Amino acid sequence: MRLAPLLLSVALASGLGLATAPAFAAGATDQQETRIPQASFATAERLREQALESDLGYRIVESLTTEIGPRMAGSEADARAVEWAIAKFHELGYDKVWTEPVTFPKWVRHGESGAVVGDHAQPLTLTALGGSPGGSVEGEIVRFDDLEALEAAPEGALAGKIAFVDYEMERTRDGSGYGLGGRLRSRGPSAAIRAGAEGFLMRSAGTDLHRNPHTGNTRFDEGLEPIPSAALSLPDAEQLTRLLALGKPIRVRMDLDVGWDGEYTSQNVIGEITGSSRPDELVLIVAHLDSWDLGTGAVDDGAGIGITMAAGKLIGDLERRPARTIRVIAFANEEQGLVGGRAYAEKYAGEVTRHMIAAESDFGAGRIYALSSGAPEYARGAVKQIAEALAPLGIEYAGDAGGPGPDLIPFAGKGLMWARLAQDGTDYFDLHHTPDDTLDKIDPEALAQNVAAYAVFAYLAAEAEGDFGSAPKDE
């Protein structure tokens, strides 16, 4: 089973093991084929057209990013976002709305700055990586082309110095370029510590050339003393490389006023549209409510919240509800380690077979171009049927390409079946985790196409006769 490049990068950046989709080769031929009744497709077509004509998804994102703004996990705005989500689910007419607690260590950012010091003194635009300790460090920088070069540095070679990794991330439609960028952000600081460095700097994991650094979570291997770690905007990283080309030692100072500040309890917020005949069986469409603090979290992941909430609302407004229940989840604290997704997976591990299939929207607001799933052979006909209903939206069937969305990784490891509605992410990493992640970057028509796709997917999956392969498995 192939995993999506973005899934790979998220798992690496979060320090998580990869959870592949369940395998169902053995005995699959004995399973009755899953199909979707033909009568369901006329409703799906109407649902698709209604979604394309509606601006509901955009209005939800506008509300979240305007009324709440950035929503870093553990912040005061995190609590306001939870209350906003509860109220919004009720406003949209969901049948059931509730929250489930998620507790985690709280990381805070108060301020940060950087500068070249000495002969070529000048400011640098940087941002602390999530999980970095605070502190001020100054030292000569040593440049590396990529993570592998840093990991090859001998022990003690960087004593009293700052490691600087200038890896240039590739722009791709499917987000595959983020794999190495996310891996550097996750593993680079630990590699720098092993080489004796007192600080870590990286070229941001991004594809823009704006003077906007990209934040994101890092981690430190057990037994290592964490060091101040930050990401430079891409122009500033290139500036450092040009300064080094002058052939003289270059010294940098970093001042990071950040760090851990106790524990915090946030909430997964859940809304349901009750199924008409099999209400105990669930189809999940999910996103995450938190964001980083530099922008307003519009594309990451306000868009996903708008898409999934709106899709559920449109299904709920149907004269006849689908057979199964549609459960929409706004997960807590995805950004700092898939914390809400992990909590949900632990809570519902014994109910995996109730969860028919799940899809996550967490890759911005670009148009969806493909549908894939890890469903076993007996259920692939139903997935293809859904793809046929999505074809007028410009969406193709892509077999089992990719893998579960980030917050679904933990539950997929326990046997949850996933579907992937692949979005065009060509420009996503221009905005990802930066001050530029704001509402004006969202195309309302592209967002409406996403809402239409999620509504049709969830409705038809909820109408299927037979299952999609969710079954308990060893993680």
Protein backbone atom coordinates (compact mmCIF):
# COMPACT_ATOMS: atom_id res chain seq x y z
CA MET A 1 0.00 0.00 0.00
CA ARG A 2 1.43 3.37 -0.98
CA LEU A 3 1.22 6.24 1.50
CA ALA A 4 0.65 9.81 0.36
CA PRO A 5 3.79 11.96 0.27
CA LEU A 6 2.09 14.48 2.54
CA LEU A 7 1.15 11.73 5.00
CA LEU A 8 4.78 10.64 5.03
CA SER A 9 5.97 14.15 5.76
CA VAL A 10 3.46 14.69 8.55
CA ALA A 11 4.35 11.42 10.20
CA LEU A 12 8.05 12.22 10.01
CA ALA A 13 7.58 15.79 11.21
CA SER A 14 5.53 14.59 14.16
CA GLY A 15 7.94 11.80 15.05
CA LEU A 16 5.26 9.20 14.48
CA GLY A 17 5.46 5.75 12.99
CA LEU A 18 3.59 5.29 9.72
CA ALA A 19 0.29 3.48 9.98
CA THR A 20 -0.54 1.71 6.75
CA ALA A 21 -4.10 0.89 5.82
CA PRO A 22 -5.42 -2.52 6.80
CA ALA A 23 -4.63 -5.39 4.45
CA PHE A 24 -7.55 -7.56 3.39
CA ALA A 25 -6.08 -10.00 0.88
CA ALA A 26 -6.86 -13.09 2.92
CA GLY A 27 -10.46 -14.16 2.60
CA ALA A 28 -11.48 -11.09 0.58
CA THR A 29 -12.98 -13.28 -2.16
CA ASP A 30 -15.49 -14.65 0.36
CA GLN A 31 -16.82 -11.20 1.18
CA GLN A 32 -19.99 -9.95 -0.50
CA GLU A 33 -19.28 -7.04 -2.83
CA THR A 34 -20.11 -3.58 -1.49
CA ARG A 35 -22.28 -1.52 -3.81
CA ILE A 36 -24.18 1.77 -3.69
CA PRO A 37 -27.87 1.64 -4.73
CA GLN A 38 -28.47 3.30 -8.06
CA ALA A 39 -31.34 5.31 -6.60
CA SER A 40 -28.87 7.21 -4.41
CA PHE A 41 -27.12 8.86 -7.33
CA ALA A 42 -29.92 11.24 -8.29
CA THR A 43 -29.78 12.68 -4.77
CA ALA A 44 -25.98 12.83 -4.96
CA GLU A 45 -26.22 14.81 -8.19
CA ARG A 46 -28.59 17.33 -6.63
CA LEU A 47 -26.35 17.56 -3.58
CA ARG A 48 -23.33 18.23 -5.79
CA GLU A 49 -25.06 21.04 -7.67
CA GLN A 50 -26.39 22.63 -4.47
CA ALA A 51 -22.90 22.65 -2.99
CA LEU A 52 -21.41 24.28 -6.07
CA GLU A 53 -23.96 27.07 -5.87
CA SER A 54 -23.48 27.61 -2.13
CA ASP A 55 -20.92 29.84 -0.42
CA LEU A 56 -21.51 28.21 2.97
CA GLY A 57 -18.04 26.68 3.23
CA TYR A 58 -16.40 30.03 2.57
CA ARG A 59 -18.65 31.81 5.07
CA ILE A 60 -17.67 29.29 7.75
CA VAL A 61 -13.96 29.87 7.12
CA GLU A 62 -14.55 33.62 7.09
CA SER A 63 -16.30 33.39 10.44
CA LEU A 64 -13.58 31.28 12.05
CA THR A 65 -10.64 33.32 10.81
CA THR A 66 -12.30 36.69 11.46
CA GLU A 67 -13.94 36.07 14.82
CA ILE A 68 -11.20 33.87 16.30
CA GLY A 69 -8.08 34.40 14.17
CA PRO A 70 -5.00 32.27 14.86
CA ARG A 71 -5.73 29.33 17.18
CA MET A 72 -2.50 27.88 18.52
CA ALA A 73 -3.08 24.86 20.72
CA GLY A 74 -3.26 25.87 24.38
CA SER A 75 -3.82 29.56 23.70
CA GLU A 76 -6.72 31.71 24.85
CA ALA A 77 -7.95 31.61 21.23
CA ASP A 78 -7.96 27.80 21.35
CA ALA A 79 -10.69 27.96 23.99
CA ARG A 80 -12.65 30.53 21.97
CA ALA A 81 -12.34 28.34 18.87
CA VAL A 82 -13.87 25.40 20.73
CA GLU A 83 -16.84 27.53 21.76
CA TRP A 84 -17.11 28.85 18.22
CA ALA A 85 -17.21 25.30 16.80
CA ILE A 86 -19.87 24.16 19.26
CA ALA A 87 -22.03 27.17 18.39
CA LYS A 88 -21.46 26.75 14.65
CA PHE A 89 -22.49 23.08 14.66
CA HIS A 90 -25.69 24.05 16.49
CA GLU A 91 -26.31 26.97 14.12
CA LEU A 92 -25.95 24.64 11.13
CA GLY A 93 -28.60 22.29 12.52
CA TYR A 94 -26.53 19.26 13.45
CA ASP A 95 -28.55 16.72 15.45
CA LYS A 96 -25.90 16.03 18.09
CA VAL A 97 -22.98 18.20 19.19
CA TRP A 98 -20.48 17.39 21.93
CA THR A 99 -16.85 17.71 22.95
CA GLU A 100 -14.20 15.27 24.15
CA PRO A 101 -11.17 16.44 26.19
CA VAL A 102 -7.63 16.37 24.84
CA THR A 103 -4.76 17.16 27.24
CA PHE A 104 -1.22 18.04 26.15
CA PRO A 105 1.86 20.06 27.16
CA LYS A 106 1.46 23.72 26.23
CA TRP A 107 4.14 25.45 24.15
CA VAL A 108 4.11 29.26 23.96
CA ARG A 109 5.72 31.89 21.74
CA HIS A 110 6.27 35.37 23.18
CA GLY A 111 8.83 36.76 20.75
CA GLU A 112 11.80 35.95 18.54
CA SER A 113 14.52 37.71 16.58
CA GLY A 114 17.69 36.97 14.70
CA ALA A 115 20.57 38.88 13.17
CA VAL A 116 23.92 38.58 11.47
CA VAL A 117 26.51 40.18 13.76
CA GLY A 118 29.96 41.51 12.93
CA ASP A 119 31.21 42.96 9.66
CA HIS A 120 27.97 42.34 7.74
CA ALA A 121 25.52 43.05 10.57
CA GLN A 122 21.88 42.91 9.48
CA PRO A 123 18.55 41.56 10.75
CA LEU A 124 17.24 38.11 9.87
CA THR A 125 13.60 37.10 9.60
CA LEU A 126 13.09 33.85 11.45
CA THR A 127 10.57 31.99 13.61
CA ALA A 128 11.04 29.48 16.39
CA LEU A 129 10.06 25.90 15.65
CA GLY A 130 7.29 24.54 17.84
CA GLY A 131 8.80 22.66 20.75
CA SER A 132 12.03 24.66 20.71
CA PRO A 133 13.38 25.85 24.05
CA GLY A 134 13.89 29.54 24.59
CA GLY A 135 17.24 31.21 24.90
CA SER A 136 19.81 33.42 23.24
CA VAL A 137 22.69 31.94 21.29
CA GLU A 138 25.41 33.49 19.18
CA GLY A 139 27.95 31.67 17.10
CA GLU A 140 29.53 31.05 13.73
CA ILE A 141 27.18 29.29 11.33
CA VAL A 142 28.16 26.12 9.47
CA ARG A 143 26.13 25.47 6.34
CA PHE A 144 24.86 22.04 5.20
CA ASP A 145 23.04 21.22 1.98
CA ASP A 146 20.57 18.82 3.57
CA LEU A 147 19.76 16.71 6.60
CA GLU A 148 21.96 13.84 5.51
CA ALA A 149 25.00 16.12 5.39
CA LEU A 150 24.26 17.39 8.90
CA GLU A 151 23.75 13.87 10.21
CA ALA A 152 27.16 12.95 8.80
CA ALA A 153 28.92 15.69 10.79
CA PRO A 154 31.33 14.17 13.34
CA GLU A 155 30.51 14.35 17.02
CA GLY A 156 31.72 17.66 18.44
CA ALA A 157 32.43 19.18 15.03
CA LEU A 158 29.95 22.02 15.66
CA ALA A 159 30.96 22.85 19.24
CA GLY A 160 30.10 26.50 19.94
CA LYS A 161 28.56 26.92 16.48
CA ILE A 162 25.10 27.10 14.90
CA ALA A 163 24.09 24.49 12.35
CA PHE A 164 22.44 26.00 9.25
CA VAL A 165 20.74 23.66 6.78
CA ASP A 166 19.86 25.24 3.43
CA TYR A 167 17.71 22.50 1.89
CA GLU A 168 15.47 23.78 -0.93
CA MET A 169 12.04 22.15 -0.94
CA GLU A 170 10.53 21.14 -4.29
CA ARG A 171 7.15 22.50 -5.43
CA THR A 172 4.72 19.68 -6.31
CA ARG A 173 0.99 19.30 -6.80
CA ASP A 174 0.67 16.39 -4.37
CA GLY A 175 2.84 17.83 -1.60
CA SER A 176 5.58 15.22 -2.01
CA GLY A 177 8.27 17.88 -1.73
CA TYR A 178 7.28 18.39 1.90
CA GLY A 179 8.54 14.94 2.85
CA LEU A 180 12.19 15.97 3.07
CA GLY A 181 11.39 19.46 4.36
CA GLY A 182 9.29 18.09 7.20
CA ARG A 183 11.91 15.45 7.95
CA LEU A 184 14.59 18.14 8.26
CA ARG A 185 12.43 20.18 10.64
CA SER A 186 11.76 17.11 12.77
CA ARG A 187 15.20 15.51 12.88
CA GLY A 188 17.56 18.39 12.19
CA PRO A 189 17.80 19.79 15.73
CA SER A 190 18.73 16.41 17.19
CA ALA A 191 21.38 15.90 14.52
CA ALA A 192 22.78 19.35 15.31
CA ILE A 193 22.95 18.51 19.02
CA ARG A 194 24.86 15.30 18.33
CA ALA A 195 27.42 17.31 16.38
CA GLY A 196 27.81 19.67 19.34
CA ALA A 197 25.91 22.70 17.99
CA GLU A 198 24.45 25.29 20.35
CA GLY A 199 21.69 26.32 17.93
CA PHE A 200 19.87 25.10 14.81
CA LEU A 201 18.71 27.13 11.80
CA MET A 202 17.00 25.81 8.69
CA ARG A 203 15.71 27.19 5.45
CA SER A 204 11.94 27.06 5.98
CA ALA A 205 10.03 24.07 4.64
CA GLY A 206 8.22 26.12 2.01
CA THR A 207 8.16 27.08 -1.66
CA ASP A 208 7.57 30.84 -1.63
CA LEU A 209 10.18 33.58 -1.90
CA HIS A 210 8.44 35.98 0.46
CA ARG A 211 10.18 37.15 3.61
CA ASN A 212 7.86 34.98 5.68
CA PRO A 213 9.37 32.18 7.75
CA HIS A 214 7.43 28.90 8.06
CA THR A 215 7.00 27.56 11.57
CA GLY A 216 6.06 23.97 12.44
CA ASN A 217 6.74 21.42 15.11
CA THR A 218 10.07 19.83 15.87
CA ARG A 219 11.14 17.26 18.43
CA PHE A 220 14.26 16.23 20.28
CA ASP A 221 15.43 12.67 20.67
CA GLU A 222 15.35 11.26 24.16
CA GLY A 223 18.48 11.91 26.17
CA LEU A 224 19.47 15.07 24.26
CA GLU A 225 19.47 18.56 25.76
CA PRO A 226 17.28 20.71 23.45
CA ILE A 227 18.81 23.75 21.76
CA PRO A 228 17.15 26.89 20.33
CA SER A 229 15.83 25.94 16.89
CA ALA A 230 14.34 28.20 14.24
CA ALA A 231 13.42 28.49 10.57
CA LEU A 232 14.55 31.32 8.30
CA SER A 233 12.46 32.85 5.56
CA LEU A 234 13.71 31.61 2.20
CA PRO A 235 15.22 34.99 1.17
CA ASP A 236 17.10 35.16 4.47
CA ALA A 237 18.44 31.64 4.02
CA GLU A 238 19.71 32.62 0.57
CA GLN A 239 21.21 35.77 2.05
CA LEU A 240 23.21 33.70 4.56
CA THR A 241 24.47 31.45 1.77
CA ARG A 242 25.65 34.49 -0.22
CA LEU A 243 27.40 35.89 2.85
CA LEU A 244 29.19 32.58 3.39
CA ALA A 245 30.31 32.65 -0.25
CA LEU A 246 32.40 35.74 0.59
CA GLY A 247 34.77 33.33 2.27
CA LYS A 248 34.68 34.74 5.80
CA PRO A 249 33.17 33.28 8.96
CA ILE A 250 29.62 34.54 9.50
CA ARG A 251 28.20 34.87 12.99
CA VAL A 252 24.49 34.85 13.84
CA ARG A 253 22.59 35.65 17.00
CA MET A 254 19.19 34.13 17.80
CA ASP A 255 16.93 35.29 20.62
CA LEU A 256 13.92 33.05 21.21
CA ASP A 257 11.41 33.88 23.92
CA VAL A 258 9.49 30.60 23.72
CA GLY A 259 9.07 27.40 25.68
CA TRP A 260 6.85 24.97 27.57
CA ASP A 261 4.29 26.26 30.07
CA GLY A 262 2.50 23.44 31.87
CA GLU A 263 -0.41 21.42 30.52
CA TYR A 264 -3.62 22.43 28.78
CA THR A 265 -6.89 20.63 28.08
CA SER A 266 -8.60 21.46 24.79
CA GLN A 267 -11.47 19.63 23.09
CA ASN A 268 -12.26 17.63 19.99
CA VAL A 269 -15.58 19.11 18.82
CA ILE A 270 -17.96 16.66 17.15
CA GLY A 271 -21.20 17.13 15.25
CA GLU A 272 -23.48 14.45 13.80
CA ILE A 273 -26.17 14.19 11.15
CA THR A 274 -28.12 11.12 12.25
CA GLY A 275 -28.59 8.34 9.72
CA SER A 276 -32.08 7.27 8.67
CA SER A 277 -31.83 3.49 8.97
CA ARG A 278 -28.35 2.55 10.29
CA PRO A 279 -27.59 5.42 12.66
CA ASP A 280 -25.04 3.45 14.69
CA GLU A 281 -22.77 3.14 11.63
CA LEU A 282 -20.59 6.17 10.92
CA VAL A 283 -18.97 7.92 7.97
CA LEU A 284 -16.35 10.42 9.15
CA ILE A 285 -15.30 13.66 7.48
CA VAL A 286 -12.75 15.53 9.57
CA ALA A 287 -10.39 18.51 9.83
CA HIS A 288 -8.45 20.22 12.62
CA LEU A 289 -9.52 23.29 14.53
CA ASP A 290 -6.15 24.54 15.77
CA SER A 291 -3.60 26.48 13.74
CA TRP A 292 -0.19 28.00 14.12
CA ASP A 293 -0.02 31.56 15.35
CA LEU A 294 1.66 33.48 12.52
CA GLY A 295 -1.33 33.80 10.17
CA THR A 296 -5.04 33.30 10.77
CA GLY A 297 -5.10 29.60 9.89
CA ALA A 298 -7.28 29.99 6.80
CA VAL A 299 -5.78 27.34 4.53
CA ASP A 300 -4.39 25.28 7.44
CA ASP A 301 -6.95 24.26 8.43
CA GLY A 302 -9.82 26.72 8.47
CA ALA A 303 -10.57 25.54 4.94
CA GLY A 304 -10.97 21.96 6.12
CA ILE A 305 -13.31 23.06 8.90
CA GLY A 306 -15.44 25.01 6.43
CA ILE A 307 -15.48 22.17 3.89
CA THR A 308 -16.50 19.42 6.32
CA MET A 309 -18.99 21.45 8.36
CA ALA A 310 -20.70 22.69 5.18
CA ALA A 311 -20.79 19.23 3.60
CA GLY A 312 -22.45 17.77 6.69
CA LYS A 313 -24.96 20.63 6.82
CA LEU A 314 -25.98 20.10 3.18
CA ILE A 315 -26.49 16.39 3.80
CA GLY A 316 -28.53 17.19 6.90
CA ASP A 317 -30.83 19.42 4.86
CA LEU A 318 -31.83 16.57 2.53
CA GLU A 319 -35.48 15.51 2.58
CA ARG A 320 -34.29 11.93 3.17
CA ARG A 321 -31.17 11.43 5.23
CA PRO A 322 -28.62 8.80 4.15
CA ALA A 323 -28.75 5.41 5.86
CA ARG A 324 -25.69 5.96 8.06
CA THR A 325 -24.74 8.80 10.38
CA ILE A 326 -22.35 11.48 9.15
CA ARG A 327 -19.90 12.44 11.91
CA VAL A 328 -17.88 15.64 11.44
CA ILE A 329 -14.91 16.13 13.76
CA ALA A 330 -12.94 19.32 14.43
CA PHE A 331 -9.80 17.87 15.99
CA ALA A 332 -7.75 19.61 18.67
CA ASN A 333 -4.00 20.20 18.38
CA GLU A 334 -3.08 18.51 15.13
CA GLU A 335 -0.14 20.83 14.62
CA GLN A 336 1.90 19.68 17.60
CA GLY A 337 1.63 15.94 17.11
CA LEU A 338 -1.84 14.80 15.93
CA VAL A 339 -2.91 14.96 19.56
CA GLY A 340 -6.67 15.15 18.97
CA GLY A 341 -6.55 12.36 16.39
CA ARG A 342 -4.59 10.14 18.74
CA ALA A 343 -7.06 10.77 21.58
CA TYR A 344 -10.00 9.88 19.33
CA ALA A 345 -8.32 6.70 18.13
CA GLU A 346 -7.67 5.57 21.70
CA LYS A 347 -11.22 6.33 22.82
CA TYR A 348 -12.89 4.53 19.92
CA ALA A 349 -10.40 1.71 19.29
CA GLY A 350 -13.02 -0.84 20.30
CA GLU A 351 -15.56 0.61 17.86
CA VAL A 352 -13.53 0.59 14.68
CA THR A 353 -16.08 -1.52 12.80
CA ARG A 354 -18.76 1.14 13.43
CA HIS A 355 -16.60 3.61 11.52
CA MET A 356 -17.21 2.62 7.91
CA ILE A 357 -14.74 4.98 6.24
CA ALA A 358 -13.17 8.39 6.90
CA ALA A 359 -11.71 11.26 4.88
CA GLU A 360 -9.76 14.27 6.10
CA SER A 361 -9.48 17.77 4.63
CA ASP A 362 -6.12 19.19 5.71
CA PHE A 363 -4.29 20.37 2.60
CA GLY A 364 -5.65 23.84 1.99
CA ALA A 365 -8.37 24.97 -0.37
CA GLY A 366 -7.08 23.87 -3.78
CA ARG A 367 -9.38 21.93 -6.10
CA ILE A 368 -9.72 18.19 -5.56
CA TYR A 369 -8.42 16.19 -8.51
CA ALA A 370 -8.49 12.54 -7.41
CA LEU A 371 -10.26 10.06 -5.13
CA SER A 372 -8.46 7.04 -3.74
CA SER A 373 -8.95 4.58 -0.89
CA GLY A 374 -7.27 1.66 0.81
CA ALA A 375 -10.55 -0.26 0.67
CA PRO A 376 -10.26 -4.01 -0.04
CA GLU A 377 -11.14 -5.47 -3.41
CA TYR A 378 -14.72 -6.29 -2.46
CA ALA A 379 -15.42 -2.61 -1.70
CA ARG A 380 -13.53 -1.01 -4.57
CA GLY A 381 -16.54 -1.12 -6.85
CA ALA A 382 -18.35 1.18 -4.43
CA VAL A 383 -15.37 3.56 -4.31
CA LYS A 384 -15.37 3.62 -8.12
CA GLN A 385 -19.07 4.42 -8.06
CA ILE A 386 -18.37 7.40 -5.83
CA ALA A 387 -15.59 8.47 -8.19
CA GLU A 388 -18.04 8.38 -11.11
CA ALA A 389 -20.36 10.72 -9.20
CA LEU A 390 -17.41 13.04 -8.57
CA ALA A 391 -16.19 13.02 -12.18
CA PRO A 392 -18.22 16.13 -13.19
CA LEU A 393 -16.14 18.01 -10.59
CA GLY A 394 -12.94 17.11 -12.44
CA ILE A 395 -12.07 14.31 -10.02
CA GLU A 396 -10.51 11.04 -11.20
CA TYR A 397 -10.32 7.62 -9.57
CA ALA A 398 -6.78 6.93 -8.34
CA GLY A 399 -7.00 3.42 -6.92
CA ASP A 400 -5.22 3.05 -3.58
CA ALA A 401 -2.79 5.95 -4.06
CA GLY A 402 -1.91 7.86 -0.94
CA GLY A 403 -3.06 7.20 2.58
CA PRO A 404 -5.10 8.58 5.45
CA GLY A 405 -5.01 12.25 6.37
CA PRO A 406 -2.80 13.25 9.30
CA ASP A 407 -5.32 13.08 12.16
CA LEU A 408 -6.61 9.77 10.81
CA ILE A 409 -3.19 8.09 10.95
CA PRO A 410 -3.60 6.82 14.54
CA PHE A 411 -7.07 5.33 13.93
CA ALA A 412 -6.03 3.89 10.56
CA GLY A 413 -3.32 2.08 12.50
CA LYS A 414 -6.08 0.41 14.49
CA GLY A 415 -8.00 -0.62 11.37
CA LEU A 416 -10.08 2.36 10.24
CA MET A 417 -10.56 2.48 6.48
CA TRP A 418 -9.60 5.72 4.77
CA ALA A 419 -10.42 7.62 1.62
CA ARG A 420 -8.33 10.43 0.17
CA LEU A 421 -9.76 13.39 -1.72
CA ALA A 422 -6.51 14.70 -3.17
CA GLN A 423 -6.26 18.48 -3.47
CA ASP A 424 -4.05 20.52 -5.75
CA GLY A 425 -1.32 21.70 -3.40
CA THR A 426 0.89 23.45 -5.95
CA ASP A 427 0.75 26.71 -3.99
CA TYR A 428 -0.01 25.29 -0.56
CA PHE A 429 3.55 25.49 0.75
CA ASP A 430 3.78 29.15 -0.23
CA LEU A 431 1.39 29.76 2.66
CA HIS A 432 1.79 26.82 5.03
CA HIS A 433 2.60 27.89 8.64
CA THR A 434 3.35 31.49 7.62
CA PRO A 435 1.88 34.96 8.26
CA ASP A 436 0.45 34.71 4.72
CA ASP A 437 -2.05 32.00 5.72
CA THR A 438 -5.04 34.34 5.58
CA LEU A 439 -8.58 34.30 4.18
CA ASP A 440 -7.76 36.26 1.02
CA LYS A 441 -5.73 33.29 -0.24
CA ILE A 442 -8.84 31.11 -0.56
CA ASP A 443 -10.68 30.89 -3.90
CA PRO A 444 -14.42 30.62 -3.04
CA GLU A 445 -15.17 28.59 -6.18
CA ALA A 446 -12.41 26.09 -5.46
CA LEU A 447 -13.65 25.79 -1.88
CA ALA A 448 -17.20 25.14 -3.11
CA GLN A 449 -15.84 22.34 -5.33
CA ASN A 450 -14.31 20.79 -2.21
CA VAL A 451 -17.59 21.05 -0.31
CA ALA A 452 -19.39 19.38 -3.21
CA ALA A 453 -16.86 16.55 -3.30
CA TYR A 454 -17.01 15.89 0.44
CA ALA A 455 -20.81 16.05 0.49
CA VAL A 456 -21.15 13.56 -2.37
CA PHE A 457 -18.47 11.27 -0.93
CA ALA A 458 -19.98 11.21 2.57
CA TYR A 459 -23.56 10.83 1.34
CA LEU A 460 -22.82 7.94 -1.02
CA ALA A 461 -20.53 6.16 1.46
CA ALA A 462 -23.35 6.43 4.00
CA GLU A 463 -25.73 4.83 1.50
CA ALA A 464 -23.51 1.88 0.58
CA GLU A 465 -24.82 -1.64 0.99
CA GLY A 466 -21.91 -3.44 2.61
CA ASP A 467 -18.82 -2.13 4.37
CA PHE A 468 -15.51 -0.58 3.27
CA GLY A 469 -13.18 -2.81 5.24
CA SER A 470 -12.72 -1.20 8.66
CA ALA A 471 -11.69 -3.98 11.03
CA PRO A 472 -9.56 -4.23 14.19
CA LYS A 473 -5.87 -4.76 13.60
CA ASP A 474 -2.62 -4.54 15.50
CA GLU A 475 -1.23 -1.02 15.24
